[in-house]
Amino acid sequence: MNTATFEKIEKEMISGLKFPDAEVLSDKDAIKERLSELNRALTLGNLEQTKIKIFFEDEKTCFVVETTVWGVTDKRVILKQGTVIPINRIHRIKI
């Protein structure tokens, strides 16, 4: 995956995006690794307010946001101000 093609976005703009239900990753190991990285990002966010980069895709474009993860559910990543990104639309997390 070439992360250079991901467009920067501010977290405040994410709530206006539309997310399809389709999974962006096809490899089961990559899906497991993504969840592991999300849980690590959650721990770092809650303990040290560490910002991470989330590479994700909406219905049209690939984006990257630098933010703190405040919560992870079974289907969504929760950012500040209640902004959410569906986990199945995340390509990669960079800590």
Protein backbone atom coordinates (compact mmCIF):
# COMPACT_ATOMS: atom_id res chain seq x y z
CA MET A 1 0.00 0.00 0.00
CA ASN A 2 1.40 3.35 -1.02
CA THR A 3 0.52 5.75 1.81
CA ALA A 4 1.74 8.72 -0.27
CA THR A 5 -1.58 8.62 -2.14
CA PHE A 6 -3.56 9.31 1.05
CA GLU A 7 -4.94 12.85 1.35
CA LYS A 8 -4.58 14.59 4.74
CA ILE A 9 -7.84 15.39 6.49
CA GLU A 10 -8.66 17.13 9.77
CA LYS A 11 -10.64 14.99 12.22
CA GLU A 12 -13.42 17.60 12.30
CA MET A 13 -14.13 16.88 8.61
CA ILE A 14 -14.55 13.09 9.04
CA SER A 15 -18.16 13.28 10.25
CA GLY A 16 -19.18 14.55 6.80
CA LEU A 17 -17.80 11.49 4.99
CA LYS A 18 -19.83 8.48 3.84
CA PHE A 19 -18.46 5.00 4.53
CA PRO A 20 -19.51 1.88 2.59
CA ASP A 21 -19.92 -1.40 4.48
CA ALA A 22 -17.23 -3.22 2.46
CA GLU A 23 -13.97 -4.31 4.10
CA VAL A 24 -10.87 -2.59 2.64
CA LEU A 25 -8.46 -5.38 3.67
CA SER A 26 -8.60 -8.82 2.10
CA ASP A 27 -5.93 -10.61 4.15
CA LYS A 28 -7.12 -12.12 7.45
CA ASP A 29 -3.71 -11.59 9.08
CA ALA A 30 -3.76 -7.91 8.09
CA ILE A 31 -7.22 -7.57 9.66
CA LYS A 32 -5.95 -9.11 12.92
CA GLU A 33 -2.89 -6.86 12.89
CA ARG A 34 -5.07 -3.79 12.33
CA LEU A 35 -7.14 -4.62 15.41
CA SER A 36 -4.00 -5.20 17.47
CA GLU A 37 -2.57 -1.83 16.37
CA LEU A 38 -5.88 -0.10 17.16
CA ASN A 39 -5.88 -1.49 20.68
CA ARG A 40 -2.26 -0.38 21.12
CA ALA A 41 -3.19 3.10 19.83
CA LEU A 42 -6.10 3.19 22.30
CA THR A 43 -3.78 2.43 25.22
CA LEU A 44 -1.27 5.06 24.11
CA GLY A 45 -4.06 7.59 23.55
CA ASN A 46 -5.57 7.10 26.99
CA LEU A 47 -2.31 6.96 28.93
CA GLU A 48 -0.12 9.45 27.09
CA GLN A 49 -2.42 11.27 24.62
CA THR A 50 -0.13 9.97 21.86
CA LYS A 51 -1.24 10.95 18.36
CA ILE A 52 -1.22 8.30 15.66
CA LYS A 53 -1.92 8.28 11.94
CA ILE A 54 -4.97 6.42 10.66
CA PHE A 55 -5.01 5.62 6.94
CA PHE A 56 -8.61 5.03 5.86
CA GLU A 57 -10.97 5.16 2.91
CA ASP A 58 -14.47 6.58 2.47
CA GLU A 59 -16.68 5.95 -0.57
CA LYS A 60 -14.42 7.94 -2.93
CA THR A 61 -11.02 8.83 -1.47
CA CYS A 62 -8.19 7.57 0.72
CA PHE A 63 -7.40 9.81 3.70
CA VAL A 64 -4.92 10.04 6.57
CA VAL A 65 -5.71 11.74 9.87
CA GLU A 66 -3.33 12.38 12.76
CA THR A 67 -5.28 12.09 15.98
CA THR A 68 -5.64 10.47 19.40
CA VAL A 69 -7.77 7.32 19.71
CA TRP A 70 -10.24 7.64 22.59
CA GLY A 71 -12.14 4.39 22.12
CA VAL A 72 -12.43 1.20 20.07
CA THR A 73 -15.65 -0.78 19.72
CA ASP A 74 -16.17 -3.97 17.71
CA LYS A 75 -16.95 -1.88 14.60
CA ARG A 76 -15.66 1.67 15.13
CA VAL A 77 -12.73 3.78 16.26
CA ILE A 78 -13.80 6.74 18.39
CA LEU A 79 -11.85 10.00 18.19
CA LYS A 80 -12.32 13.25 20.11
CA GLN A 81 -15.73 14.95 19.93
CA GLY A 82 -17.45 11.65 19.12
CA THR A 83 -15.99 11.40 15.62
CA VAL A 84 -15.95 7.78 14.42
CA ILE A 85 -14.25 5.81 11.66
CA PRO A 86 -15.53 2.31 10.81
CA ILE A 87 -12.75 -0.22 11.47
CA ASN A 88 -13.47 -2.05 8.21
CA ARG A 89 -12.52 1.14 6.29
CA ILE A 90 -9.07 1.45 7.90
CA HIS A 91 -6.07 0.35 5.82
CA ARG A 92 -3.34 0.96 8.34
CA ILE A 93 -2.42 2.55 11.67
CA LYS A 94 0.98 4.19 12.15
CA ILE A 95 2.09 4.80 15.72
